[in-house]
Amino acid sequence: MLPSIAFSRQLLWLVAGGLITAAWPQHSRAETDVKLDARYQATIAGVPIGSGRWWLEIHDDKYSAAASGATSGWLKVFTSGEGKTIAQGTVANGQPVPRRYDSTIVANKKTDEVEMALEGGDVKKVTVKPETPPNPERVPITDAQRHAVIDPMTAALVRVSGNGNPLSADACNRSAPIFDGRLRYDLRLAYKRMDRVKAEKGYEGPVVVCAVYFSALAGHIPGRRVITYLTEERDMEVWLAPVAGTRVVVPFRISVPTPIGLGILEATQFITTATKSPLRTGAKTQ
């Protein structure tokens, strides 16, 4: 049972790591300073396995995000884990340009650290501890695959086109080229349907549901179970909710089928605050 538990948790965290992000406003400059304070609970087959918190701030010319989480409940009897991640960058022509990504994950007394500096979408420096062990089957990461990429926390920070409701198919139809310091992969989203959600605290209303497709490009060992499983999986979903007063949408719920049941990461608190610039007045909270 324990290998299946660890494998199922790895599936959920890998996909969630590339999706706990946001979609960017349509305009080249944000109309508001946006803040999000969200708390999430992770479950597998309905059983709690962990929880986390995510902070996001978007300004006219920069953004920052931070996330932290830990295992909880009965899973701590078998395995322990906690992590924290930060991402920072600027905004150019309405799109995010990542500059810094740091991640620290501690599991079963082992620490995995990634520090990455980026410029214009290119990786300028990356440090991983411990170093990835050599393996002749591992697909090497080329210099070209370190260009035109984004980090996992910035993965879906893209423009939602149009002037209408951002909760539309346009919010889903995109692909994110992600590099996390060890693995180069793509997450492709595709529109599925509309739905509704209600957080215990904060947002209640419609969401747009996107299918999620995973494709590993480099840094992986092709025969590894988690890679083949995610590549073949066709039922992963992310539910995107709006941020008040903007064209920003962010993940409210992520679901990943696992061998022992459906893995879900879902917001229990989802509070966004849009504070207008000093030349404007008023604020909106949801």
Protein backbone atom coordinates (compact mmCIF):
# COMPACT_ATOMS: atom_id res chain seq x y z
CA MET A 1 0.00 0.00 0.00
CA LEU A 2 2.75 2.48 0.92
CA PRO A 3 4.31 2.68 -2.60
CA SER A 4 0.85 3.42 -4.02
CA ILE A 5 0.31 6.17 -1.44
CA ALA A 6 3.64 7.83 -2.23
CA PHE A 7 3.09 7.46 -5.98
CA SER A 8 -0.41 8.93 -5.82
CA ARG A 9 0.79 11.88 -3.75
CA GLN A 10 3.61 12.49 -6.25
CA LEU A 11 1.11 12.58 -9.11
CA LEU A 12 -1.03 15.19 -7.38
CA TRP A 13 1.86 17.42 -6.30
CA LEU A 14 3.60 17.34 -9.69
CA VAL A 15 0.53 18.55 -11.58
CA ALA A 16 -0.49 21.01 -8.86
CA GLY A 17 3.00 22.51 -8.82
CA GLY A 18 2.56 23.58 -12.41
CA LEU A 19 -0.96 24.92 -11.95
CA ILE A 20 -0.99 26.88 -8.68
CA THR A 21 -0.60 29.99 -10.74
CA ALA A 22 -2.81 32.58 -12.38
CA ALA A 23 -3.97 33.93 -15.71
CA TRP A 24 -2.87 37.46 -16.53
CA PRO A 25 -5.08 40.52 -17.16
CA GLN A 26 -5.89 41.40 -20.75
CA HIS A 27 -4.41 44.88 -20.69
CA SER A 28 -0.73 45.75 -20.88
CA ARG A 29 -0.98 47.37 -17.45
CA ALA A 30 -3.05 46.00 -14.61
CA GLU A 31 -5.95 48.26 -13.66
CA THR A 32 -5.59 47.26 -10.03
CA ASP A 33 -3.16 45.92 -7.49
CA VAL A 34 -4.42 42.39 -6.90
CA LYS A 35 -3.90 40.26 -3.81
CA LEU A 36 -5.01 36.67 -3.31
CA ASP A 37 -4.97 34.73 -0.05
CA ALA A 38 -6.01 31.13 -0.67
CA ARG A 39 -5.86 27.97 1.40
CA TYR A 40 -6.11 24.51 -0.09
CA GLN A 41 -6.73 20.99 1.16
CA ALA A 42 -5.39 17.91 -0.62
CA THR A 43 -7.25 14.60 -0.51
CA ILE A 44 -6.96 11.20 -2.15
CA ALA A 45 -10.13 9.10 -2.32
CA GLY A 46 -11.72 11.62 0.04
CA VAL A 47 -9.06 11.19 2.74
CA PRO A 48 -7.09 14.34 3.72
CA ILE A 49 -3.36 14.05 2.99
CA GLY A 50 -2.14 17.64 3.17
CA SER A 51 -2.88 21.34 3.17
CA GLY A 52 -1.30 24.47 1.81
CA ARG A 53 -1.52 28.23 1.52
CA TRP A 54 -0.90 30.45 -1.50
CA TRP A 55 -0.30 34.19 -1.64
CA LEU A 56 -0.30 36.13 -4.91
CA GLU A 57 0.29 39.84 -5.54
CA ILE A 58 0.00 41.48 -8.97
CA HIS A 59 1.05 45.08 -9.57
CA ASP A 60 1.35 47.21 -12.69
CA ASP A 61 4.95 46.22 -13.38
CA LYS A 62 5.71 43.21 -11.18
CA TYR A 63 4.26 40.16 -9.49
CA SER A 64 5.17 37.85 -6.63
CA ALA A 65 3.81 34.52 -5.43
CA ALA A 66 4.51 32.28 -2.47
CA ALA A 67 3.16 28.88 -1.51
CA SER A 68 3.67 26.57 1.44
CA GLY A 69 2.25 23.18 2.32
CA ALA A 70 2.66 20.02 4.39
CA THR A 71 1.32 16.50 4.71
CA SER A 72 -1.36 15.95 7.32
CA GLY A 73 -3.73 13.38 8.75
CA TRP A 74 -3.06 9.65 8.60
CA LEU A 75 -0.48 10.06 5.84
CA LYS A 76 1.98 11.43 8.41
CA VAL A 77 2.08 7.95 9.95
CA PHE A 78 3.76 6.65 6.76
CA THR A 79 5.57 9.65 5.34
CA SER A 80 6.16 13.30 6.21
CA GLY A 81 6.71 16.26 3.97
CA GLU A 82 6.58 20.04 3.77
CA GLY A 83 7.62 22.61 1.24
CA LYS A 84 7.71 26.25 0.30
CA THR A 85 8.09 27.98 -3.05
CA ILE A 86 8.44 31.59 -4.15
CA ALA A 87 8.39 33.20 -7.58
CA GLN A 88 8.97 36.80 -8.60
CA GLY A 89 9.03 38.64 -11.89
CA THR A 90 8.08 41.68 -13.91
CA VAL A 91 5.24 42.47 -16.31
CA ALA A 92 5.97 43.39 -19.94
CA ASN A 93 3.29 43.95 -22.59
CA GLY A 94 0.71 42.44 -20.31
CA GLN A 95 2.63 39.20 -19.82
CA PRO A 96 4.65 37.94 -16.83
CA VAL A 97 8.41 37.69 -17.20
CA PRO A 98 9.86 35.46 -14.45
CA ARG A 99 13.09 36.49 -12.76
CA ARG A 100 13.39 34.28 -9.68
CA TYR A 101 12.15 30.87 -8.59
CA ASP A 102 13.13 29.15 -5.32
CA SER A 103 11.74 25.86 -4.03
CA THR A 104 12.52 23.82 -0.91
CA ILE A 105 10.87 20.46 -0.24
CA VAL A 106 11.60 18.33 2.81
CA ALA A 107 10.30 14.75 2.79
CA ASN A 108 11.34 11.92 5.09
CA LYS A 109 14.30 13.97 6.39
CA LYS A 110 15.60 14.55 2.86
CA THR A 111 15.75 18.08 1.44
CA ASP A 112 15.40 19.03 -2.23
CA GLU A 113 16.31 22.62 -3.13
CA VAL A 114 16.08 24.55 -6.39
CA GLU A 115 17.26 28.13 -6.96
CA MET A 116 16.75 29.57 -10.43
CA ALA A 117 17.37 32.98 -12.01
CA LEU A 118 15.73 33.86 -15.32
CA GLU A 119 15.88 36.77 -17.73
CA GLY A 120 13.53 37.32 -20.66
CA GLY A 121 12.30 33.74 -20.44
CA ASP A 122 15.81 32.28 -20.47
CA VAL A 123 17.37 30.41 -17.57
CA LYS A 124 20.55 32.26 -16.57
CA LYS A 125 21.47 30.21 -13.52
CA VAL A 126 20.06 27.16 -11.79
CA THR A 127 21.29 25.39 -8.68
CA VAL A 128 19.81 22.10 -7.48
CA LYS A 129 20.66 20.29 -4.24
CA PRO A 130 21.27 17.42 -4.23
CA GLU A 131 22.44 17.20 -7.83
CA THR A 132 20.37 15.00 -10.11
CA PRO A 133 22.00 11.54 -10.07
CA PRO A 134 23.48 10.45 -13.41
CA ASN A 135 21.51 7.88 -15.35
CA PRO A 136 22.19 6.85 -18.98
CA GLU A 137 18.42 6.58 -19.56
CA ARG A 138 17.71 10.15 -18.46
CA VAL A 139 16.80 12.51 -21.31
CA PRO A 140 19.38 15.33 -21.22
CA ILE A 141 18.26 18.94 -20.99
CA THR A 142 19.71 20.95 -23.87
CA ASP A 143 20.58 24.64 -23.83
CA ALA A 144 17.70 25.27 -26.24
CA GLN A 145 15.27 23.79 -23.71
CA ARG A 146 16.31 26.40 -21.16
CA HIS A 147 15.04 29.20 -23.41
CA ALA A 148 11.49 30.56 -23.65
CA VAL A 149 10.38 28.82 -20.46
CA ILE A 150 8.57 29.73 -17.27
CA ASP A 151 8.83 28.35 -13.76
CA PRO A 152 6.03 26.22 -12.25
CA MET A 153 4.61 29.08 -10.18
CA THR A 154 4.35 31.33 -13.23
CA ALA A 155 3.13 28.54 -15.48
CA ALA A 156 -0.31 29.90 -16.36
CA LEU A 157 0.37 33.63 -16.07
CA VAL A 158 -0.91 34.47 -19.56
CA ARG A 159 -3.29 36.95 -21.08
CA VAL A 160 -7.01 36.15 -21.28
CA SER A 161 -7.99 37.63 -24.64
CA GLY A 162 -11.11 39.65 -25.42
CA ASN A 163 -13.16 42.18 -23.49
CA GLY A 164 -15.96 39.94 -22.25
CA ASN A 165 -16.19 37.47 -19.41
CA PRO A 166 -12.75 35.95 -18.70
CA LEU A 167 -14.48 32.72 -17.67
CA SER A 168 -14.59 31.36 -21.20
CA ALA A 169 -12.88 28.78 -23.39
CA ASP A 170 -10.09 31.31 -23.99
CA ALA A 171 -9.00 30.90 -20.37
CA CYS A 172 -8.21 27.23 -21.05
CA ASN A 173 -6.86 27.03 -24.57
CA ARG A 174 -3.12 27.41 -23.99
CA SER A 175 0.09 25.55 -23.23
CA ALA A 176 2.71 26.30 -20.56
CA PRO A 177 6.43 25.49 -21.25
CA ILE A 178 7.70 24.71 -17.73
CA PHE A 179 11.18 24.20 -16.33
CA ASP A 180 11.44 23.45 -12.60
CA GLY A 181 15.21 23.13 -12.38
CA ARG A 182 15.21 19.38 -12.92
CA LEU A 183 12.44 18.63 -15.40
CA ARG A 184 11.38 20.34 -18.65
CA TYR A 185 7.73 19.62 -19.42
CA ASP A 186 4.62 21.11 -20.97
CA LEU A 187 1.16 21.40 -19.43
CA ARG A 188 -1.52 21.90 -22.10
CA LEU A 189 -5.00 23.06 -21.14
CA ALA A 190 -8.21 22.60 -23.15
CA TYR A 191 -11.76 23.78 -22.45
CA LYS A 192 -14.20 21.21 -21.03
CA ARG A 193 -17.20 22.90 -19.42
CA MET A 194 -18.52 25.48 -16.95
CA ASP A 195 -19.29 24.67 -13.29
CA ARG A 196 -19.85 26.34 -9.92
CA VAL A 197 -17.92 26.29 -6.62
CA LYS A 198 -18.29 27.54 -3.07
CA ALA A 199 -15.37 28.03 -0.71
CA GLU A 200 -15.84 27.78 3.03
CA LYS A 201 -14.58 31.35 3.13
CA GLY A 202 -14.48 33.70 0.17
CA TYR A 203 -15.48 33.03 -3.42
CA GLU A 204 -18.77 31.45 -4.48
CA GLY A 205 -19.75 31.38 -8.15
CA PRO A 206 -18.92 30.08 -11.63
CA VAL A 207 -15.64 28.52 -12.75
CA VAL A 208 -14.31 27.36 -16.09
CA VAL A 209 -13.10 23.74 -16.13
CA CYS A 210 -10.06 22.85 -18.25
CA ALA A 211 -8.61 19.48 -19.16
CA VAL A 212 -4.88 19.17 -18.36
CA TYR A 213 -2.41 17.19 -20.48
CA PHE A 214 1.17 16.48 -19.38
CA SER A 215 4.16 16.03 -21.71
CA ALA A 216 7.71 15.45 -20.44
CA LEU A 217 10.43 16.76 -22.76
CA ALA A 218 13.74 16.45 -20.88
CA GLY A 219 15.31 15.74 -17.52
CA HIS A 220 13.21 12.61 -16.99
CA ILE A 221 13.69 8.88 -17.29
CA PRO A 222 11.06 7.78 -19.84
CA GLY A 223 10.28 4.46 -18.17
CA ARG A 224 9.52 5.93 -14.75
CA ARG A 225 6.00 5.11 -13.63
CA VAL A 226 4.96 8.64 -12.68
CA ILE A 227 6.03 9.98 -16.10
CA THR A 228 4.23 7.32 -18.14
CA TYR A 229 1.13 7.57 -15.95
CA LEU A 230 0.79 11.35 -16.30
CA THR A 231 1.56 11.24 -20.03
CA GLU A 232 -1.23 8.75 -20.67
CA GLU A 233 -3.78 10.27 -18.25
CA ARG A 234 -6.70 12.05 -19.96
CA ASP A 235 -8.95 12.92 -17.00
CA MET A 236 -6.93 15.58 -15.14
CA GLU A 237 -8.74 18.88 -14.61
CA VAL A 238 -8.16 22.39 -13.28
CA TRP A 239 -11.08 24.63 -12.27
CA LEU A 240 -10.33 28.35 -12.74
CA ALA A 241 -12.06 31.05 -10.68
CA PRO A 242 -12.04 34.82 -11.32
CA VAL A 243 -10.34 37.54 -9.30
CA ALA A 244 -12.72 40.42 -8.58
CA GLY A 245 -12.33 43.55 -10.70
CA THR A 246 -9.81 42.07 -13.15
CA ARG A 247 -9.51 39.64 -16.05
CA VAL A 248 -7.40 37.34 -13.88
CA VAL A 249 -8.42 33.72 -13.29
CA VAL A 250 -6.66 31.34 -10.89
CA PRO A 251 -6.99 27.66 -9.94
CA PHE A 252 -9.68 26.85 -7.41
CA ARG A 253 -9.55 23.07 -7.76
CA ILE A 254 -7.19 20.55 -9.36
CA SER A 255 -8.09 16.87 -9.78
CA VAL A 256 -5.74 14.03 -10.77
CA PRO A 257 -6.85 10.37 -10.95
CA THR A 258 -4.46 8.07 -9.02
CA PRO A 259 -4.24 4.29 -8.60
CA ILE A 260 -5.89 4.47 -5.16
CA GLY A 261 -8.54 7.12 -5.86
CA LEU A 262 -9.11 10.62 -7.15
CA GLY A 263 -6.55 13.15 -5.93
CA ILE A 264 -7.99 16.61 -5.37
CA LEU A 265 -6.44 19.92 -4.35
CA GLU A 266 -9.26 22.37 -3.61
CA ALA A 267 -9.56 25.81 -2.05
CA THR A 268 -11.22 26.05 1.34
CA GLN A 269 -10.46 29.78 1.49
CA PHE A 270 -10.33 31.95 -1.62
CA ILE A 271 -10.19 35.66 -0.87
CA THR A 272 -9.08 38.17 -3.49
CA THR A 273 -8.71 41.89 -3.00
CA ALA A 274 -8.40 44.34 -5.89
CA THR A 275 -7.15 47.73 -4.68
CA LYS A 276 -7.26 50.41 -7.32
CA SER A 277 -4.22 52.55 -8.09
CA PRO A 278 -3.62 55.79 -6.13
CA LEU A 279 -5.30 57.81 -8.91
CA ARG A 280 -8.49 55.80 -8.37
CA THR A 281 -10.51 55.13 -5.25
CA GLY A 282 -12.26 52.14 -3.77
CA ALA A 283 -11.53 48.48 -3.29
CA LYS A 284 -13.32 45.24 -4.00
CA THR A 285 -13.08 42.02 -2.08
CA GLN A 286 -14.57 38.62 -2.79
